[in-house]
Amino acid sequence: MGIAVVTGSASGIGAAVRARLEKNGDRVIGIDLRNAEIEVDLSTPEGRKRSIAQALEACGAAWIAWWWRPAWEPTSPTFSRSHR
């Protein structure tokens, strides 16, 4: 099957998602503060960077193109108009 990276994998919804994926035969790489393959604090920029690097290493990925940008920024006019 596939490989999945699940954040919050040690408890709650993340643990349930992990269990379902593993039951279906997928390999799961868990990310959480404790009790996971990758133990980092995702609330910090450094933790997010480390989680990506470690997940890629765990997958055996030699490289990846990472393009991610939110559709809106909290300070943008679109956010201000639609979230008042």
Protein backbone atom coordinates (compact mmCIF):
# COMPACT_ATOMS: atom_id res chain seq x y z
CA MET A 1 0.00 0.00 0.00
CA GLY A 2 1.09 3.60 0.54
CA ILE A 3 2.94 5.72 3.03
CA ALA A 4 1.09 8.33 5.07
CA VAL A 5 2.39 11.04 7.36
CA VAL A 6 -0.10 11.79 10.12
CA THR A 7 0.21 14.76 12.46
CA GLY A 8 -1.20 14.40 15.95
CA SER A 9 -0.83 10.63 15.58
CA ALA A 10 -0.40 9.86 19.30
CA SER A 11 -3.95 10.70 20.37
CA GLY A 12 -7.46 11.64 19.36
CA ILE A 13 -8.41 11.98 15.72
CA GLY A 14 -4.79 11.58 14.59
CA ALA A 15 -4.56 8.23 16.39
CA ALA A 16 -7.85 7.11 14.83
CA VAL A 17 -6.64 8.10 11.36
CA ARG A 18 -3.39 6.26 11.99
CA ALA A 19 -5.22 3.10 13.10
CA ARG A 20 -7.46 3.16 10.03
CA LEU A 21 -4.54 3.61 7.64
CA GLU A 22 -2.54 0.84 9.31
CA LYS A 23 -5.57 -1.46 9.22
CA ASN A 24 -5.75 -0.84 5.46
CA GLY A 25 -2.09 -1.84 5.12
CA ASP A 26 -0.53 1.59 4.79
CA ARG A 27 2.76 2.48 6.45
CA VAL A 28 2.26 5.41 8.81
CA ILE A 29 4.88 7.90 9.93
CA GLY A 30 3.45 9.64 12.97
CA ILE A 31 4.28 13.18 14.05
CA ASP A 32 3.48 14.37 17.55
CA LEU A 33 5.06 15.92 20.63
CA ARG A 34 5.60 12.45 22.18
CA ASN A 35 5.07 8.79 21.35
CA ALA A 36 5.53 9.11 17.58
CA GLU A 37 8.17 8.29 15.00
CA ILE A 38 8.85 11.99 14.61
CA GLU A 39 8.67 13.96 17.84
CA VAL A 40 8.55 17.70 17.16
CA ASP A 41 6.56 20.76 18.15
CA LEU A 42 4.62 21.80 15.04
CA SER A 43 3.68 25.13 16.61
CA THR A 44 7.18 26.41 15.85
CA PRO A 45 8.78 27.12 12.46
CA GLU A 46 11.80 25.00 13.44
CA GLY A 47 9.56 22.10 14.43
CA ARG A 48 7.75 22.25 11.09
CA LYS A 49 11.04 22.30 9.18
CA ARG A 50 12.37 19.35 11.19
CA SER A 51 9.16 17.39 10.67
CA ILE A 52 9.38 17.76 6.89
CA ALA A 53 13.05 16.79 6.80
CA GLN A 54 12.52 13.79 9.07
CA ALA A 55 9.41 12.63 7.21
CA LEU A 56 11.27 12.74 3.91
CA GLU A 57 14.14 10.81 5.43
CA ALA A 58 11.75 8.22 6.88
CA CYS A 59 10.15 7.78 3.45
CA GLY A 60 13.52 7.37 1.81
CA ALA A 61 12.83 10.43 -0.34
CA ALA A 62 15.94 11.83 -1.98
CA TRP A 63 14.21 15.06 -2.98
CA ILE A 64 10.84 16.74 -3.12
CA ALA A 65 9.48 19.91 -4.63
CA TRP A 66 7.55 21.65 -1.91
CA TRP A 67 5.20 24.35 -3.07
CA TRP A 68 2.72 25.47 -0.50
CA ARG A 69 1.14 28.79 -0.04
CA PRO A 70 -2.14 29.51 1.70
CA ALA A 71 -4.94 30.78 -0.48
CA TRP A 72 -5.26 33.76 1.84
CA GLU A 73 -3.34 35.37 4.63
CA PRO A 74 -5.11 36.38 7.87
CA THR A 75 -4.11 40.00 7.26
CA SER A 76 -5.31 40.10 3.66
CA PRO A 77 -8.35 42.15 2.58
CA THR A 78 -10.14 38.92 1.57
CA PHE A 79 -9.80 37.55 5.10
CA SER A 80 -10.91 40.80 6.66
CA ARG A 81 -14.03 41.04 4.48
CA SER A 82 -15.14 37.43 4.86
CA HIS A 83 -14.34 36.88 8.55
CA ARG A 84 -15.87 39.87 10.33
